[in-house]
Amino acid sequence: MKVAKDLVAASATPMVLGILAEGESYGYAILRRINELSGGELDWTEGLLYPLLHRLERLGYVEATWQSVTGERKRKYYRVTDRGLAELAEQRRQWDTVVDALKEIWHDRAPLTVNPLEGLA
């Protein structure tokens, strides 16, 4: 299954802020965590993540610092700010509303199936 781009875009900010609320992290580790959390269904690229991190940094939601680990190259680590935690709380409230509404719509409904032959003949 491929998740639609508009759904990925809408969920990107709360996902990254949520991951950073668990603790500071760097780009590649964030990408791995997203992949892990989605069971491999969300396979983000650096081209999606880094512009988002830079935007979150400009907005004051995250702060970044360069850190060195012995034997490895420097990495830019990101951590969520108090402002970012407030934004995460608001995003969570909004997503809870959307998820609750979808659950109500889909509650006790049989799964949708599509007959590829329907309408032919």
PDB file of N, CA and C in Angstrom:
ATOM      1  N   MET A   1       0.850  -1.178   0.000  1.00  0.00           N
ATOM      2  CA  MET A   1       0.000   0.000   0.000  1.00  0.00           C
ATOM      3  C   MET A   1       0.894   1.239   0.000  1.00  0.00           C
ATOM      4  N   LYS A   2       0.536   2.193  -0.791  1.00  0.00           N
ATOM      5  CA  LYS A   2       1.269   3.449  -0.826  1.00  0.00           C
ATOM      6  C   LYS A   2       0.380   4.530  -0.216  1.00  0.00           C
ATOM      7  N   VAL A   3       0.899   5.233   0.786  1.00  0.00           N
ATOM      8  CA  VAL A   3       0.137   6.291   1.439  1.00  0.00           C
ATOM      9  C   VAL A   3       0.175   7.521   0.536  1.00  0.00           C
ATOM     10  N   ALA A   4      -0.982   8.127   0.327  1.00  0.00           N
ATOM     11  CA  ALA A   4      -1.096   9.282  -0.568  1.00  0.00           C
ATOM     12  C   ALA A   4      -0.231  10.439  -0.075  1.00  0.00           C
ATOM     13  N   LYS A   5       0.333  11.166  -1.032  1.00  0.00           N
ATOM     14  CA  LYS A   5       1.241  12.273  -0.706  1.00  0.00           C
ATOM     15  C   LYS A   5       0.581  13.335   0.162  1.00  0.00           C
ATOM     16  N   ASP A   6      -0.695  13.630  -0.086  1.00  0.00           N
ATOM     17  CA  ASP A   6      -1.346  14.671   0.708  1.00  0.00           C
ATOM     18  C   ASP A   6      -1.529  14.235   2.166  1.00  0.00           C
ATOM     19  N   LEU A   7      -1.731  12.940   2.393  1.00  0.00           N
ATOM     20  CA  LEU A   7      -1.844  12.439   3.764  1.00  0.00           C
ATOM     21  C   LEU A   7      -0.475  12.449   4.454  1.00  0.00           C
ATOM     22  N   VAL A   8       0.567  12.090   3.712  1.00  0.00           N
ATOM     23  CA  VAL A   8       1.929  12.160   4.257  1.00  0.00           C
ATOM     24  C   VAL A   8       2.261  13.599   4.624  1.00  0.00           C
ATOM     25  N   ALA A   9       1.965  14.526   3.734  1.00  0.00           N
ATOM     26  CA  ALA A   9       2.268  15.939   3.991  1.00  0.00           C
ATOM     27  C   ALA A   9       1.513  16.457   5.210  1.00  0.00           C
ATOM     28  N   ALA A  10       0.251  16.088   5.328  1.00  0.00           N
ATOM     29  CA  ALA A  10      -0.561  16.571   6.455  1.00  0.00           C
ATOM     30  C   ALA A  10      -0.081  16.013   7.789  1.00  0.00           C
ATOM     31  N   SER A  11       0.461  14.816   7.778  1.00  0.00           N
ATOM     32  CA  SER A  11       0.873  14.176   9.031  1.00  0.00           C
ATOM     33  C   SER A  11       2.347  14.371   9.364  1.00  0.00           C
ATOM     34  N   ALA A  12       3.109  14.962   8.472  1.00  0.00           N
ATOM     35  CA  ALA A  12       4.565  15.056   8.653  1.00  0.00           C
ATOM     36  C   ALA A  12       4.963  15.860   9.890  1.00  0.00           C
ATOM     37  N   THR A  13       4.387  17.038  10.071  1.00  0.00           N
ATOM     38  CA  THR A  13       4.767  17.881  11.210  1.00  0.00           C
ATOM     39  C   THR A  13       4.474  17.204  12.546  1.00  0.00           C
ATOM     40  N   PRO A  14       3.249  16.708  12.779  1.00  0.00           N
ATOM     41  CA  PRO A  14       3.023  16.071  14.078  1.00  0.00           C
ATOM     42  C   PRO A  14       3.854  14.806  14.276  1.00  0.00           C
ATOM     43  N   MET A  15       4.164  14.092  13.195  1.00  0.00           N
ATOM     44  CA  MET A  15       4.983  12.892  13.345  1.00  0.00           C
ATOM     45  C   MET A  15       6.400  13.247  13.785  1.00  0.00           C
ATOM     46  N   VAL A  16       7.000  14.243  13.135  1.00  0.00           N
ATOM     47  CA  VAL A  16       8.370  14.626  13.484  1.00  0.00           C
ATOM     48  C   VAL A  16       8.411  15.242  14.881  1.00  0.00           C
ATOM     49  N   LEU A  17       7.466  16.122  15.186  1.00  0.00           N
ATOM     50  CA  LEU A  17       7.441  16.711  16.529  1.00  0.00           C
ATOM     51  C   LEU A  17       7.227  15.631  17.588  1.00  0.00           C
ATOM     52  N   GLY A  18       6.393  14.662  17.302  1.00  0.00           N
ATOM     53  CA  GLY A  18       6.151  13.571  18.239  1.00  0.00           C
ATOM     54  C   GLY A  18       7.398  12.729  18.474  1.00  0.00           C
ATOM     55  N   ILE A  19       8.121  12.453  17.421  1.00  0.00           N
ATOM     56  CA  ILE A  19       9.370  11.694  17.555  1.00  0.00           C
ATOM     57  C   ILE A  19      10.380  12.494  18.371  1.00  0.00           C
ATOM     58  N   LEU A  20      10.497  13.777  18.094  1.00  0.00           N
ATOM     59  CA  LEU A  20      11.454  14.601  18.827  1.00  0.00           C
ATOM     60  C   LEU A  20      11.011  14.825  20.273  1.00  0.00           C
ATOM     61  N   ALA A  21       9.722  14.708  20.556  1.00  0.00           N
ATOM     62  CA  ALA A  21       9.251  14.804  21.942  1.00  0.00           C
ATOM     63  C   ALA A  21       9.742  13.611  22.758  1.00  0.00           C
ATOM     64  N   GLU A  22      10.072  12.501  22.077  1.00  0.00           N
ATOM     65  CA  GLU A  22      10.642  11.330  22.753  1.00  0.00           C
ATOM     66  C   GLU A  22      12.098  11.570  23.154  1.00  0.00           C
ATOM     67  N   GLY A  23      12.749  12.514  22.484  1.00  0.00           N
ATOM     68  CA  GLY A  23      14.152  12.821  22.748  1.00  0.00           C
ATOM     69  C   GLY A  23      14.823  13.324  21.492  1.00  0.00           C
ATOM     70  N   GLU A  24      15.954  14.006  21.653  1.00  0.00           N
ATOM     71  CA  GLU A  24      16.627  14.566  20.486  1.00  0.00           C
ATOM     72  C   GLU A  24      17.084  13.462  19.551  1.00  0.00           C
ATOM     73  N   SER A  25      17.180  13.815  18.272  1.00  0.00           N
ATOM     74  CA  SER A  25      17.536  12.830  17.267  1.00  0.00           C
ATOM     75  C   SER A  25      18.122  13.531  16.050  1.00  0.00           C
ATOM     76  N   TYR A  26      18.662  12.759  15.144  1.00  0.00           N
ATOM     77  CA  TYR A  26      19.221  13.284  13.895  1.00  0.00           C
ATOM     78  C   TYR A  26      18.442  12.699  12.723  1.00  0.00           C
ATOM     79  N   GLY A  27      18.645  13.270  11.554  1.00  0.00           N
ATOM     80  CA  GLY A  27      17.836  12.949  10.387  1.00  0.00           C
ATOM     81  C   GLY A  27      17.648  11.481  10.084  1.00  0.00           C
ATOM     82  N   TYR A  28      18.753  10.752   9.916  1.00  0.00           N
ATOM     83  CA  TYR A  28      18.640   9.346   9.546  1.00  0.00           C
ATOM     84  C   TYR A  28      17.874   8.552  10.594  1.00  0.00           C
ATOM     85  N   ALA A  29      18.099   8.840  11.873  1.00  0.00           N
ATOM     86  CA  ALA A  29      17.386   8.133  12.947  1.00  0.00           C
ATOM     87  C   ALA A  29      15.890   8.456  12.912  1.00  0.00           C
ATOM     88  N   ILE A  30      15.543   9.688  12.569  1.00  0.00           N
ATOM     89  CA  ILE A  30      14.126  10.069  12.443  1.00  0.00           C
ATOM     90  C   ILE A  30      13.490   9.283  11.304  1.00  0.00           C
ATOM     91  N   LEU A  31      14.184   9.182  10.169  1.00  0.00           N
ATOM     92  CA  LEU A  31      13.663   8.417   9.032  1.00  0.00           C
ATOM     93  C   LEU A  31      13.440   6.957   9.415  1.00  0.00           C
ATOM     94  N   ARG A  32      14.382   6.369  10.127  1.00  0.00           N
ATOM     95  CA  ARG A  32      14.240   4.977  10.577  1.00  0.00           C
ATOM     96  C   ARG A  32      13.053   4.819  11.513  1.00  0.00           C
ATOM     97  N   ARG A  33      12.877   5.773  12.418  1.00  0.00           N
ATOM     98  CA  ARG A  33      11.774   5.701  13.398  1.00  0.00           C
ATOM     99  C   ARG A  33      10.418   5.780  12.695  1.00  0.00           C
ATOM    100  N   ILE A  34      10.298   6.650  11.707  1.00  0.00           N
ATOM    101  CA  ILE A  34       9.048   6.761  10.950  1.00  0.00           C
ATOM    102  C   ILE A  34       8.755   5.458  10.232  1.00  0.00           C
ATOM    103  N   ASN A  35       9.776   4.890   9.621  1.00  0.00           N
ATOM    104  CA  ASN A  35       9.610   3.621   8.922  1.00  0.00           C
ATOM    105  C   ASN A  35       9.187   2.529   9.899  1.00  0.00           C
ATOM    106  N   GLU A  36       9.824   2.500  11.059  1.00  0.00           N
ATOM    107  CA  GLU A  36       9.519   1.507  12.099  1.00  0.00           C
ATOM    108  C   GLU A  36       8.090   1.670  12.623  1.00  0.00           C
ATOM    109  N   LEU A  37       7.700   2.902  12.937  1.00  0.00           N
ATOM    110  CA  LEU A  37       6.365   3.166  13.491  1.00  0.00           C
ATOM    111  C   LEU A  37       5.257   2.785  12.518  1.00  0.00           C
ATOM    112  N   SER A  38       5.531   2.906  11.224  1.00  0.00           N
ATOM    113  CA  SER A  38       4.516   2.622  10.206  1.00  0.00           C
ATOM    114  C   SER A  38       4.593   1.199   9.674  1.00  0.00           C
ATOM    115  N   GLY A  39       5.426   0.380  10.265  1.00  0.00           N
ATOM    116  CA  GLY A  39       5.569  -0.985   9.772  1.00  0.00           C
ATOM    117  C   GLY A  39       6.092  -1.024   8.352  1.00  0.00           C
ATOM    118  N   GLY A  40       6.885  -0.015   7.987  1.00  0.00           N
ATOM    119  CA  GLY A  40       7.468   0.044   6.653  1.00  0.00           C
ATOM    120  C   GLY A  40       6.587   0.699   5.599  1.00  0.00           C
ATOM    121  N   GLU A  41       5.382   1.105   5.981  1.00  0.00           N
ATOM    122  CA  GLU A  41       4.458   1.713   5.013  1.00  0.00           C
ATOM    123  C   GLU A  41       4.855   3.144   4.648  1.00  0.00           C
ATOM    124  N   LEU A  42       5.492   3.844   5.584  1.00  0.00           N
ATOM    125  CA  LEU A  42       5.966   5.206   5.303  1.00  0.00           C
ATOM    126  C   LEU A  42       7.475   5.143   5.146  1.00  0.00           C
ATOM    127  N   ASP A  43       7.934   5.333   3.940  1.00  0.00           N
ATOM    128  CA  ASP A  43       9.356   5.266   3.639  1.00  0.00           C
ATOM    129  C   ASP A  43       9.785   6.639   3.140  1.00  0.00           C
ATOM    130  N   TRP A  44       9.901   7.563   4.097  1.00  0.00           N
ATOM    131  CA  TRP A  44      10.244   8.940   3.757  1.00  0.00           C
ATOM    132  C   TRP A  44      11.657   9.030   3.212  1.00  0.00           C
ATOM    133  N   THR A  45      11.886  10.073   2.432  1.00  0.00           N
ATOM    134  CA  THR A  45      13.214  10.344   1.901  1.00  0.00           C
ATOM    135  C   THR A  45      13.807  11.552   2.619  1.00  0.00           C
ATOM    136  N   GLU A  46      15.100  11.743   2.446  1.00  0.00           N
ATOM    137  CA  GLU A  46      15.763  12.922   2.991  1.00  0.00           C
ATOM    138  C   GLU A  46      15.168  14.189   2.387  1.00  0.00           C
ATOM    139  N   GLY A  47      14.736  14.099   1.121  1.00  0.00           N
ATOM    140  CA  GLY A  47      14.141  15.241   0.427  1.00  0.00           C
ATOM    141  C   GLY A  47      12.831  15.698   1.038  1.00  0.00           C
ATOM    142  N   LEU A  48      12.160  14.834   1.759  1.00  0.00           N
ATOM    143  CA  LEU A  48      10.951  15.210   2.484  1.00  0.00           C
ATOM    144  C   LEU A  48      11.306  15.723   3.878  1.00  0.00           C
ATOM    145  N   LEU A  49      12.203  15.007   4.560  1.00  0.00           N
ATOM    146  CA  LEU A  49      12.485  15.296   5.963  1.00  0.00           C
ATOM    147  C   LEU A  49      13.258  16.595   6.184  1.00  0.00           C
ATOM    148  N   TYR A  50      14.355  16.792   5.477  1.00  0.00           N
ATOM    149  CA  TYR A  50      15.212  17.941   5.797  1.00  0.00           C
ATOM    150  C   TYR A  50      14.555  19.296   5.543  1.00  0.00           C
ATOM    151  N   PRO A  51      13.825  19.477   4.454  1.00  0.00           N
ATOM    152  CA  PRO A  51      13.104  20.759   4.321  1.00  0.00           C
ATOM    153  C   PRO A  51      12.097  20.967   5.451  1.00  0.00           C
ATOM    154  N   LEU A  52      11.456  19.891   5.902  1.00  0.00           N
ATOM    155  CA  LEU A  52      10.512  19.993   7.019  1.00  0.00           C
ATOM    156  C   LEU A  52      11.241  20.385   8.299  1.00  0.00           C
ATOM    157  N   LEU A  53      12.374  19.748   8.588  1.00  0.00           N
ATOM    158  CA  LEU A  53      13.143  20.097   9.784  1.00  0.00           C
ATOM    159  C   LEU A  53      13.597  21.555   9.740  1.00  0.00           C
ATOM    160  N   HIS A  54      14.024  22.014   8.579  1.00  0.00           N
ATOM    161  CA  HIS A  54      14.455  23.414   8.452  1.00  0.00           C
ATOM    162  C   HIS A  54      13.284  24.369   8.671  1.00  0.00           C
ATOM    163  N   ARG A  55      12.109  24.010   8.170  1.00  0.00           N
ATOM    164  CA  ARG A  55      10.919  24.847   8.382  1.00  0.00           C
ATOM    165  C   ARG A  55      10.538  24.867   9.861  1.00  0.00           C
ATOM    166  N   LEU A  56      10.574  23.716  10.511  1.00  0.00           N
ATOM    167  CA  LEU A  56      10.255  23.646  11.940  1.00  0.00           C
ATOM    168  C   LEU A  56      11.259  24.449  12.763  1.00  0.00           C
ATOM    169  N   GLU A  57      12.497  24.457  12.312  1.00  0.00           N
ATOM    170  CA  GLU A  57      13.522  25.249  12.998  1.00  0.00           C
ATOM    171  C   GLU A  57      13.240  26.745  12.821  1.00  0.00           C
ATOM    172  N   ARG A  58      12.883  27.153  11.608  1.00  0.00           N
ATOM    173  CA  ARG A  58      12.543  28.572  11.358  1.00  0.00           C
ATOM    174  C   ARG A  58      11.344  29.021  12.189  1.00  0.00           C
ATOM    175  N   LEU A  59      10.395  28.136  12.379  1.00  0.00           N
ATOM    176  CA  LEU A  59       9.195  28.441  13.163  1.00  0.00           C
ATOM    177  C   LEU A  59       9.455  28.437  14.671  1.00  0.00           C
ATOM    178  N   GLY A  60      10.626  27.971  15.063  1.00  0.00           N
ATOM    179  CA  GLY A  60      10.957  27.909  16.489  1.00  0.00           C
ATOM    180  C   GLY A  60      10.433  26.662  17.185  1.00  0.00           C
ATOM    181  N   TYR A  61       9.989  25.667  16.421  1.00  0.00           N
ATOM    182  CA  TYR A  61       9.459  24.436  16.999  1.00  0.00           C
ATOM    183  C   TYR A  61      10.563  23.450  17.366  1.00  0.00           C
ATOM    184  N   VAL A  62      11.706  23.550  16.672  1.00  0.00           N
ATOM    185  CA  VAL A  62      12.853  22.697  16.986  1.00  0.00           C
ATOM    186  C   VAL A  62      14.116  23.546  17.001  1.00  0.00           C
ATOM    187  N   GLU A  63      15.103  23.055  17.720  1.00  0.00           N
ATOM    188  CA  GLU A  63      16.435  23.653  17.736  1.00  0.00           C
ATOM    189  C   GLU A  63      17.412  22.575  17.291  1.00  0.00           C
ATOM    190  N   ALA A  64      18.493  23.004  16.647  1.00  0.00           N
ATOM    191  CA  ALA A  64      19.468  22.048  16.152  1.00  0.00           C
ATOM    192  C   ALA A  64      20.862  22.404  16.643  1.00  0.00           C
ATOM    193  N   THR A  65      21.640  21.373  16.917  1.00  0.00           N
ATOM    194  CA  THR A  65      23.041  21.551  17.285  1.00  0.00           C
ATOM    195  C   THR A  65      23.856  20.472  16.590  1.00  0.00           C
ATOM    196  N   TRP A  66      25.080  20.843  16.226  1.00  0.00           N
ATOM    197  CA  TRP A  66      26.009  19.876  15.653  1.00  0.00           C
ATOM    198  C   TRP A  66      26.710  19.167  16.793  1.00  0.00           C
ATOM    199  N   GLN A  67      26.773  17.826  16.700  1.00  0.00           N
ATOM    200  CA  GLN A  67      27.440  17.046  17.738  1.00  0.00           C
ATOM    201  C   GLN A  67      28.364  16.027  17.095  1.00  0.00           C
ATOM    202  N   SER A  68      29.455  15.761  17.769  1.00  0.00           N
ATOM    203  CA  SER A  68      30.413  14.750  17.307  1.00  0.00           C
ATOM    204  C   SER A  68      30.344  13.531  18.199  1.00  0.00           C
ATOM    205  N   VAL A  69      30.407  12.377  17.574  1.00  0.00           N
ATOM    206  CA  VAL A  69      30.509  11.117  18.293  1.00  0.00           C
ATOM    207  C   VAL A  69      31.851  10.523  17.891  1.00  0.00           C
ATOM    208  N   THR A  70      32.604  10.038  18.859  1.00  0.00           N
ATOM    209  CA  THR A  70      33.932   9.501  18.582  1.00  0.00           C
ATOM    210  C   THR A  70      33.883   8.466  17.462  1.00  0.00           C
ATOM    211  N   GLY A  71      34.741   8.665  16.477  1.00  0.00           N
ATOM    212  CA  GLY A  71      34.825   7.728  15.364  1.00  0.00           C
ATOM    213  C   GLY A  71      33.785   7.945  14.281  1.00  0.00           C
ATOM    214  N   GLU A  72      32.913   8.917  14.437  1.00  0.00           N
ATOM    215  CA  GLU A  72      31.879   9.186  13.436  1.00  0.00           C
ATOM    216  C   GLU A  72      31.935  10.653  13.042  1.00  0.00           C
ATOM    217  N   ARG A  73      31.320  10.968  11.921  1.00  0.00           N
ATOM    218  CA  ARG A  73      31.287  12.366  11.497  1.00  0.00           C
ATOM    219  C   ARG A  73      30.265  13.141  12.319  1.00  0.00           C
ATOM    220  N   LYS A  74      30.363  14.457  12.251  1.00  0.00           N
ATOM    221  CA  LYS A  74      29.411  15.303  12.983  1.00  0.00           C
ATOM    222  C   LYS A  74      28.001  15.083  12.433  1.00  0.00           C
ATOM    223  N   ARG A  75      27.044  15.167  13.353  1.00  0.00           N
ATOM    224  CA  ARG A  75      25.636  15.054  12.971  1.00  0.00           C
ATOM    225  C   ARG A  75      24.885  16.242  13.551  1.00  0.00           C
ATOM    226  N   LYS A  76      23.876  16.650  12.822  1.00  0.00           N
ATOM    227  CA  LYS A  76      23.008  17.714  13.310  1.00  0.00           C
ATOM    228  C   LYS A  76      21.858  17.055  14.068  1.00  0.00           C
ATOM    229  N   TYR A  77      21.813  17.333  15.367  1.00  0.00           N
ATOM    230  CA  TYR A  77      20.768  16.789  16.224  1.00  0.00           C
ATOM    231  C   TYR A  77      19.684  17.837  16.429  1.00  0.00           C
ATOM    232  N   TYR A  78      18.442  17.363  16.408  1.00  0.00           N
ATOM    233  CA  TYR A  78      17.285  18.229  16.569  1.00  0.00           C
ATOM    234  C   TYR A  78      16.591  17.881  17.878  1.00  0.00           C
ATOM    235  N   ARG A  79      16.084  18.922  18.540  1.00  0.00           N
ATOM    236  CA  ARG A  79      15.279  18.700  19.742  1.00  0.00           C
ATOM    237  C   ARG A  79      14.087  19.634  19.676  1.00  0.00           C
ATOM    238  N   VAL A  80      12.979  19.193  20.240  1.00  0.00           N
ATOM    239  CA  VAL A  80      11.761  19.990  20.226  1.00  0.00           C
ATOM    240  C   VAL A  80      11.858  21.072  21.310  1.00  0.00           C
ATOM    241  N   THR A  81      11.320  22.249  21.010  1.00  0.00           N
ATOM    242  CA  THR A  81      11.298  23.360  21.968  1.00  0.00           C
ATOM    243  C   THR A  81       9.955  23.375  22.687  1.00  0.00           C
ATOM    244  N   ASP A  82       9.835  24.240  23.677  1.00  0.00           N
ATOM    245  CA  ASP A  82       8.545  24.396  24.360  1.00  0.00           C
ATOM    246  C   ASP A  82       7.472  24.838  23.365  1.00  0.00           C
ATOM    247  N   ARG A  83       7.842  25.705  22.458  1.00  0.00           N
ATOM    248  CA  ARG A  83       6.899  26.163  21.424  1.00  0.00           C
ATOM    249  C   ARG A  83       6.487  24.985  20.531  1.00  0.00           C
ATOM    250  N   GLY A  84       7.445  24.115  20.237  1.00  0.00           N
ATOM    251  CA  GLY A  84       7.150  22.929  19.440  1.00  0.00           C
ATOM    252  C   GLY A  84       6.231  21.961  20.171  1.00  0.00           C
ATOM    253  N   LEU A  85       6.420  21.835  21.487  1.00  0.00           N
ATOM    254  CA  LEU A  85       5.531  20.969  22.276  1.00  0.00           C
ATOM    255  C   LEU A  85       4.110  21.515  22.291  1.00  0.00           C
ATOM    256  N   ALA A  86       3.982  22.840  22.355  1.00  0.00           N
ATOM    257  CA  ALA A  86       2.650  23.457  22.307  1.00  0.00           C
ATOM    258  C   ALA A  86       1.999  23.199  20.945  1.00  0.00           C
ATOM    259  N   GLU A  87       2.786  23.306  19.875  1.00  0.00           N
ATOM    260  CA  GLU A  87       2.265  23.026  18.534  1.00  0.00           C
ATOM    261  C   GLU A  87       1.882  21.554  18.408  1.00  0.00           C
ATOM    262  N   LEU A  88       2.695  20.671  18.966  1.00  0.00           N
ATOM    263  CA  LEU A  88       2.376  19.243  18.937  1.00  0.00           C
ATOM    264  C   LEU A  88       1.060  18.970  19.653  1.00  0.00           C
ATOM    265  N   ALA A  89       0.839  19.609  20.791  1.00  0.00           N
ATOM    266  CA  ALA A  89      -0.418  19.432  21.523  1.00  0.00           C
ATOM    267  C   ALA A  89      -1.608  19.887  20.677  1.00  0.00           C
ATOM    268  N   GLU A  90      -1.462  20.998  19.981  1.00  0.00           N
ATOM    269  CA  GLU A  90      -2.539  21.496  19.111  1.00  0.00           C
ATOM    270  C   GLU A  90      -2.761  20.553  17.930  1.00  0.00           C
ATOM    271  N   GLN A  91      -1.682  20.102  17.312  1.00  0.00           N
ATOM    272  CA  GLN A  91      -1.808  19.163  16.186  1.00  0.00           C
ATOM    273  C   GLN A  91      -2.474  17.861  16.647  1.00  0.00           C
ATOM    274  N   ARG A  92      -2.106  17.412  17.837  1.00  0.00           N
ATOM    275  CA  ARG A  92      -2.709  16.192  18.358  1.00  0.00           C
ATOM    276  C   ARG A  92      -4.209  16.375  18.571  1.00  0.00           C
ATOM    277  N   ARG A  93      -4.600  17.526  19.113  1.00  0.00           N
ATOM    278  CA  ARG A  93      -6.027  17.808  19.312  1.00  0.00           C
ATOM    279  C   ARG A  93      -6.755  17.751  17.979  1.00  0.00           C
ATOM    280  N   GLN A  94      -6.177  18.359  16.961  1.00  0.00           N
ATOM    281  CA  GLN A  94      -6.810  18.371  15.646  1.00  0.00           C
ATOM    282  C   GLN A  94      -6.883  16.971  15.038  1.00  0.00           C
ATOM    283  N   TRP A  95      -5.782  16.214  15.141  1.00  0.00           N
ATOM    284  CA  TRP A  95      -5.790  14.860  14.597  1.00  0.00           C
ATOM    285  C   TRP A  95      -6.757  13.961  15.354  1.00  0.00           C
ATOM    286  N   ASP A  96      -6.871  14.125  16.662  1.00  0.00           N
ATOM    287  CA  ASP A  96      -7.847  13.340  17.428  1.00  0.00           C
ATOM    288  C   ASP A  96      -9.260  13.588  16.908  1.00  0.00           C
ATOM    289  N   THR A  97      -9.559  14.839  16.580  1.00  0.00           N
ATOM    290  CA  THR A  97     -10.877  15.180  16.038  1.00  0.00           C
ATOM    291  C   THR A  97     -11.115  14.472  14.711  1.00  0.00           C
ATOM    292  N   VAL A  98     -10.116  14.501  13.830  1.00  0.00           N
ATOM    293  CA  VAL A  98     -10.239  13.856  12.519  1.00  0.00           C
ATOM    294  C   VAL A  98     -10.380  12.343  12.677  1.00  0.00           C
ATOM    295  N   VAL A  99      -9.533  11.733  13.498  1.00  0.00           N
ATOM    296  CA  VAL A  99      -9.574  10.284  13.698  1.00  0.00           C
ATOM    297  C   VAL A  99     -10.903   9.857  14.319  1.00  0.00           C
ATOM    298  N   ASP A 100     -11.380  10.601  15.301  1.00  0.00           N
ATOM    299  CA  ASP A 100     -12.666  10.280  15.926  1.00  0.00           C
ATOM    300  C   ASP A 100     -13.800  10.346  14.911  1.00  0.00           C
ATOM    301  N   ALA A 101     -13.784  11.358  14.060  1.00  0.00           N
ATOM    302  CA  ALA A 101     -14.827  11.482  13.036  1.00  0.00           C
ATOM    303  C   ALA A 101     -14.766  10.316  12.054  1.00  0.00           C
ATOM    304  N   LEU A 102     -13.568   9.939  11.633  1.00  0.00           N
ATOM    305  CA  LEU A 102     -13.432   8.800  10.715  1.00  0.00           C
ATOM    306  C   LEU A 102     -13.902   7.509  11.369  1.00  0.00           C
ATOM    307  N   LYS A 103     -13.572   7.323  12.628  1.00  0.00           N
ATOM    308  CA  LYS A 103     -14.034   6.123  13.333  1.00  0.00           C
ATOM    309  C   LYS A 103     -15.550   6.067  13.379  1.00  0.00           C
ATOM    310  N   GLU A 104     -16.191   7.206  13.607  1.00  0.00           N
ATOM    311  CA  GLU A 104     -17.664   7.250  13.623  1.00  0.00           C
ATOM    312  C   GLU A 104     -18.225   6.892  12.247  1.00  0.00           C
ATOM    313  N   ILE A 105     -17.623   7.424  11.217  1.00  0.00           N
ATOM    314  CA  ILE A 105     -18.095   7.146   9.856  1.00  0.00           C
ATOM    315  C   ILE A 105     -17.925   5.669   9.525  1.00  0.00           C
ATOM    316  N   TRP A 106     -16.801   5.096   9.918  1.00  0.00           N
ATOM    317  CA  TRP A 106     -16.471   3.718   9.551  1.00  0.00           C
ATOM    318  C   TRP A 106     -16.965   2.688  10.546  1.00  0.00           C
ATOM    319  N   HIS A 107     -17.490   3.107  11.688  1.00  0.00           N
ATOM    320  CA  HIS A 107     -17.922   2.197  12.743  1.00  0.00           C
ATOM    321  C   HIS A 107     -18.959   1.209  12.228  1.00  0.00           C
ATOM    322  N   ASP A 108     -18.731  -0.063  12.522  1.00  0.00           N
ATOM    323  CA  ASP A 108     -19.671  -1.145  12.193  1.00  0.00           C
ATOM    324  C   ASP A 108     -20.023  -1.219  10.711  1.00  0.00           C
ATOM    325  N   ARG A 109     -19.173  -0.751   9.870  1.00  0.00           N
ATOM    326  CA  ARG A 109     -19.418  -0.878   8.438  1.00  0.00           C
ATOM    327  C   ARG A 109     -18.545  -2.007   7.899  1.00  0.00           C
ATOM    328  N   ALA A 110     -19.114  -2.754   6.977  1.00  0.00           N
ATOM    329  CA  ALA A 110     -18.332  -3.811   6.341  1.00  0.00           C
ATOM    330  C   ALA A 110     -17.219  -3.150   5.519  1.00  0.00           C
ATOM    331  N   PRO A 111     -16.075  -3.800   5.404  1.00  0.00           N
ATOM    332  CA  PRO A 111     -14.999  -3.231   4.588  1.00  0.00           C
ATOM    333  C   PRO A 111     -15.468  -3.025   3.155  1.00  0.00           C
ATOM    334  N   LEU A 112     -15.015  -1.945   2.576  1.00  0.00           N
ATOM    335  CA  LEU A 112     -15.362  -1.665   1.187  1.00  0.00           C
ATOM    336  C   LEU A 112     -14.593  -2.602   0.274  1.00  0.00           C
ATOM    337  N   THR A 113     -15.300  -3.138  -0.696  1.00  0.00           N
ATOM    338  CA  THR A 113     -14.635  -3.974  -1.705  1.00  0.00           C
ATOM    339  C   THR A 113     -15.038  -3.458  -3.069  1.00  0.00           C
ATOM    340  N   VAL A 114     -14.153  -3.619  -3.987  1.00  0.00           N
ATOM    341  CA  VAL A 114     -14.404  -3.185  -5.347  1.00  0.00           C
ATOM    342  C   VAL A 114     -14.348  -4.400  -6.241  1.00  0.00           C
ATOM    343  N   ASN A 115     -15.394  -4.588  -7.020  1.00  0.00           N
ATOM    344  CA  ASN A 115     -15.435  -5.648  -7.986  1.00  0.00           C
ATOM    345  C   ASN A 115     -14.904  -5.093  -9.306  1.00  0.00           C
ATOM    346  N   PRO A 116     -13.726  -5.512  -9.757  1.00  0.00           N
ATOM    347  CA  PRO A 116     -13.151  -4.955 -10.979  1.00  0.00           C
ATOM    348  C   PRO A 116     -13.977  -5.265 -12.224  1.00  0.00           C
ATOM    349  N   LEU A 117     -14.869  -6.260 -12.149  1.00  0.00           N
ATOM    350  CA  LEU A 117     -15.674  -6.622 -13.310  1.00  0.00           C
ATOM    351  C   LEU A 117     -17.021  -5.918 -13.327  1.00  0.00           C
ATOM    352  N   GLU A 118     -17.363  -5.255 -12.215  1.00  0.00           N
ATOM    353  CA  GLU A 118     -18.641  -4.567 -12.132  1.00  0.00           C
ATOM    354  C   GLU A 118     -18.686  -3.445 -13.155  1.00  0.00           C
ATOM    355  N   GLY A 119     -19.781  -3.324 -13.832  1.00  0.00           N
ATOM    356  CA  GLY A 119     -19.942  -2.265 -14.816  1.00  0.00           C
ATOM    357  C   GLY A 119     -19.474  -2.658 -16.209  1.00  0.00           C
ATOM    358  N   LEU A 120     -18.864  -3.835 -16.329  1.00  0.00           N
ATOM    359  CA  LEU A 120     -18.443  -4.306 -17.647  1.00  0.00           C
ATOM    360  C   LEU A 120     -19.558  -5.172 -18.211  1.00  0.00           C
ATOM    361  N   ALA A 121     -19.682  -5.187 -19.479  1.00  0.00           N
ATOM    362  CA  ALA A 121     -20.625  -6.028 -20.231  1.00  0.00           C
ATOM    363  C   ALA A 121     -21.871  -5.305 -20.588  1.00  0.00           C
TER     364      ALA A 121
END
